[in-house]
C-alpha atoms as a PDB file:
ATOM      1  CA  UNK A   1      -0.085  -0.068  -0.109  1.00  0.00           C
ATOM      2  CA  UNK A   2       3.212   2.124   0.511  1.00  0.00           C
ATOM      3  CA  UNK A   3       4.082   1.844  -3.185  1.00  0.00           C
ATOM      4  CA  UNK A   4       0.387   2.536  -4.311  1.00  0.00           C
ATOM      5  CA  UNK A   5       0.125   5.699  -1.801  1.00  0.00           C
ATOM      6  CA  UNK A   6       3.746   7.144  -3.174  1.00  0.00           C
ATOM      7  CA  UNK A   7       2.503   6.460  -7.169  1.00  0.00           C
ATOM      8  CA  UNK A   8      -0.821   8.208  -6.455  1.00  0.00           C
ATOM      9  CA  UNK A   9       1.272  10.939  -4.416  1.00  0.00           C
ATOM     10  CA  UNK A  10       4.092  11.501  -7.395  1.00  0.00           C
ATOM     11  CA  UNK A  11       1.275  11.743 -10.175  1.00  0.00           C
ATOM     12  CA  UNK A  12      -0.862  14.339  -8.108  1.00  0.00           C
ATOM     13  CA  UNK A  13      -4.292  11.516  -7.863  1.00  0.00           C
ATOM     14  CA  UNK A  14      -6.960  12.435  -5.546  1.00  0.00           C
ATOM     15  CA  UNK A  15      -7.815   8.637  -5.427  1.00  0.00           C
ATOM     16  CA  UNK A  16      -6.859   5.121  -6.751  1.00  0.00           C
ATOM     17  CA  UNK A  17      -9.752   3.109  -8.657  1.00  0.00           C
ATOM     18  CA  UNK A  18      -8.050  -0.009  -9.095  1.00  0.00           C
ATOM     19  CA  UNK A  19      -4.849  -2.121  -8.450  1.00  0.00           C
ATOM     20  CA  UNK A  20      -3.227  -4.815 -10.296  1.00  0.00           C
ATOM     21  CA  UNK A  21      -0.756  -7.180  -8.537  1.00  0.00           C
ATOM     22  CA  UNK A  22       0.988 -10.114 -10.005  1.00  0.00           C
ATOM     23  CA  UNK A  23       0.937 -13.338  -8.107  1.00  0.00           C
ATOM     24  CA  UNK A  24       3.245 -16.364  -8.534  1.00  0.00           C
ATOM     25  CA  UNK A  25       2.520 -19.810  -7.388  1.00  0.00           C
ATOM     26  CA  UNK A  26       5.501 -20.128  -5.453  1.00  0.00           C
ATOM     27  CA  UNK A  27       4.970 -16.679  -3.666  1.00  0.00           C
ATOM     28  CA  UNK A  28       3.732 -17.707  -0.427  1.00  0.00           C
ATOM     29  CA  UNK A  29       0.606 -15.757  -1.254  1.00  0.00           C
ATOM     30  CA  UNK A  30      -2.601 -17.248  -0.794  1.00  0.00           C
ATOM     31  CA  UNK A  31      -4.874 -15.224  -3.986  1.00  0.00           C
ATOM     32  CA  UNK A  32      -8.340 -15.781  -1.661  1.00  0.00           C
ATOM     33  CA  UNK A  33      -6.334 -14.480   1.656  1.00  0.00           C
ATOM     34  CA  UNK A  34      -4.893 -11.507  -0.621  1.00  0.00           C
ATOM     35  CA  UNK A  35      -8.436 -10.661  -1.323  1.00  0.00           C
ATOM     36  CA  UNK A  36      -9.813 -10.762   2.190  1.00  0.00           C
ATOM     37  CA  UNK A  37      -7.159  -8.603   3.788  1.00  0.00           C
ATOM     38  CA  UNK A  38      -7.437  -6.107   0.846  1.00  0.00           C
ATOM     39  CA  UNK A  39      -9.894  -4.215   2.131  1.00  0.00           C
ATOM     40  CA  UNK A  40      -8.711  -3.964   5.571  1.00  0.00           C
ATOM     41  CA  UNK A  41      -4.952  -2.697   4.125  1.00  0.00           C
ATOM     42  CA  UNK A  42      -6.338  -0.345   2.057  1.00  0.00           C
ATOM     43  CA  UNK A  43      -8.759   1.035   4.593  1.00  0.00           C
ATOM     44  CA  UNK A  44      -8.322   5.125   5.289  1.00  0.00           C
ATOM     45  CA  UNK A  45      -5.927   4.778   2.460  1.00  0.00           C
ATOM     46  CA  UNK A  46      -6.009   6.859  -1.151  1.00  0.00           C
ATOM     47  CA  UNK A  47      -6.848   3.238  -2.527  1.00  0.00           C
ATOM     48  CA  UNK A  48      -9.581   3.050   0.302  1.00  0.00           C
ATOM     49  CA  UNK A  49     -12.592   1.130  -2.118  1.00  0.00           C
ATOM     50  CA  UNK A  50     -10.128   0.933  -4.785  1.00  0.00           C
ATOM     51  CA  UNK A  51     -10.980  -2.230  -7.141  1.00  0.00           C
ATOM     52  CA  UNK A  52      -8.194  -5.093  -6.269  1.00  0.00           C
ATOM     53  CA  UNK A  53      -7.383  -7.772  -9.325  1.00  0.00           C
ATOM     54  CA  UNK A  54      -5.086 -10.441  -9.319  1.00  0.00           C
ATOM     55  CA  UNK A  55      -3.112 -11.849 -12.310  1.00  0.00           C
ATOM     56  CA  UNK A  56      -1.679 -15.046 -11.343  1.00  0.00           C
ATOM     57  CA  UNK A  57       2.119 -15.186 -12.855  1.00  0.00           C
ATOM     58  CA  UNK A  58       3.709 -18.604 -14.869  1.00  0.00           C
ATOM     59  CA  UNK A  59       6.191 -20.324 -12.817  1.00  0.00           C
ATOM     60  CA  UNK A  60       9.118 -20.699 -15.341  1.00  0.00           C
ATOM     61  CA  UNK A  61      12.342 -21.978 -15.180  1.00  0.00           C
ATOM     62  CA  UNK A  62      15.298 -22.216 -17.141  1.00  0.00           C
ATOM     63  CA  UNK A  63      17.782 -24.953 -17.217  1.00  0.00           C
ATOM     64  CA  UNK A  64      21.238 -25.030 -16.750  1.00  0.00           C
ATOM     65  CA  UNK A  65      22.108 -27.684 -19.023  1.00  0.00           C
ATOM     66  CA  UNK A  66      20.138 -26.874 -22.336  1.00  0.00           C
ATOM     67  CA  UNK A  67      19.826 -23.678 -21.617  1.00  0.00           C
ATOM     68  CA  UNK A  68      16.089 -23.565 -22.818  1.00  0.00           C
ATOM     69  CA  UNK A  69      13.417 -21.870 -20.795  1.00  0.00           C
ATOM     70  CA  UNK A  70       9.752 -23.737 -19.860  1.00  0.00           C
ATOM     71  CA  UNK A  71       7.123 -23.897 -17.711  1.00  0.00           C
ATOM     72  CA  UNK A  72       7.121 -25.730 -14.471  1.00  0.00           C
ATOM     73  CA  UNK A  73       4.905 -26.857 -11.613  1.00  0.00           C
ATOM     74  CA  UNK A  74       5.224 -25.672  -8.226  1.00  0.00           C
ATOM     75  CA  UNK A  75       6.088 -29.378  -7.139  1.00  0.00           C
ATOM     76  CA  UNK A  76       8.249 -30.342 -10.210  1.00  0.00           C
ATOM     77  CA  UNK A  77      10.963 -27.480 -11.368  1.00  0.00           C
ATOM     78  CA  UNK A  78      12.356 -29.505 -14.349  1.00  0.00           C
ATOM     79  CA  UNK A  79      13.307 -28.073 -17.545  1.00  0.00           C
ATOM     80  CA  UNK A  80      10.315 -28.880 -20.048  1.00  0.00           C
ATOM     81  CA  UNK A  81      12.778 -29.845 -22.874  1.00  0.00           C
ATOM     82  CA  UNK A  82      15.352 -32.036 -21.659  1.00  0.00           C
ATOM     83  CA  UNK A  83      13.931 -33.227 -18.137  1.00  0.00           C
ATOM     84  CA  UNK A  84      16.568 -32.139 -16.138  1.00  0.00           C
ATOM     85  CA  UNK A  85      16.353 -30.586 -12.632  1.00  0.00           C
ATOM     86  CA  UNK A  86      19.431 -28.231 -12.470  1.00  0.00           C
ATOM     87  CA  UNK A  87      17.028 -25.384 -13.003  1.00  0.00           C
ATOM     88  CA  UNK A  88      16.682 -21.669 -12.434  1.00  0.00           C
ATOM     89  CA  UNK A  89      13.686 -19.898 -11.341  1.00  0.00           C
ATOM     90  CA  UNK A  90      12.846 -17.273 -13.567  1.00  0.00           C
ATOM     91  CA  UNK A  91       9.331 -16.136 -12.917  1.00  0.00           C
ATOM     92  CA  UNK A  92       6.817 -17.702 -10.079  1.00  0.00           C
ATOM     93  CA  UNK A  93       7.972 -16.245  -6.745  1.00  0.00           C
ATOM     94  CA  UNK A  94       6.447 -12.762  -7.235  1.00  0.00           C
ATOM     95  CA  UNK A  95       3.714 -10.622  -5.674  1.00  0.00           C
ATOM     96  CA  UNK A  96       4.617  -7.634  -7.735  1.00  0.00           C
ATOM     97  CA  UNK A  97       2.602  -4.364  -8.173  1.00  0.00           C
ATOM     98  CA  UNK A  98       2.089  -4.261 -11.753  1.00  0.00           C
ATOM     99  CA  UNK A  99      -0.746  -1.608 -12.316  1.00  0.00           C
ATOM    100  CA  UNK A 100      -2.421   1.483 -10.422  1.00  0.00           C
ATOM    101  CA  UNK A 101      -5.258   3.272 -12.059  1.00  0.00           C
ATOM    102  CA  UNK A 102      -5.598   6.949 -10.857  1.00  0.00           C
ATOM    103  CA  UNK A 103      -8.228   9.210 -10.536  1.00  0.00           C
ATOM    104  CA  UNK A 104      -6.771  12.899 -10.959  1.00  0.00           C
ATOM    105  CA  UNK A 105     -10.162  14.731 -10.818  1.00  0.00           C
ATOM    106  CA  UNK A 106     -10.429  17.704  -9.238  1.00  0.00           C
ATOM    107  CA  UNK A 107     -12.938  17.715  -6.131  1.00  0.00           C
ATOM    108  CA  UNK A 108     -14.834  20.662  -5.150  1.00  0.00           C
ATOM    109  CA  UNK A 109     -15.860  21.334  -2.106  1.00  0.00           C
ATOM    110  CA  UNK A 110     -19.841  23.275  -1.522  1.00  0.00           C
END
């Protein structure tokens, strides 16, 4: 939420209307728990009431033997091309802020 507030402040936004995060299967974060916690985390902030959108990111590895990239499963990080187990994680462990939609309209007080 601090990143969102900083982005809103830097862009002179009056409020945040939507937040999109990327969530990998090895991030250690459960999608539904994140969605359940979000209203409490955003309450009283510039993002209060903003929609939370979650995009699931793929689990990808790079093989150190054949040097190719492939998709993998959380419990099986082997190369999808040669089957070797010596792989490096490329993506799938992130919880990343992807997009923040801002409202810059001027609010007038009557």
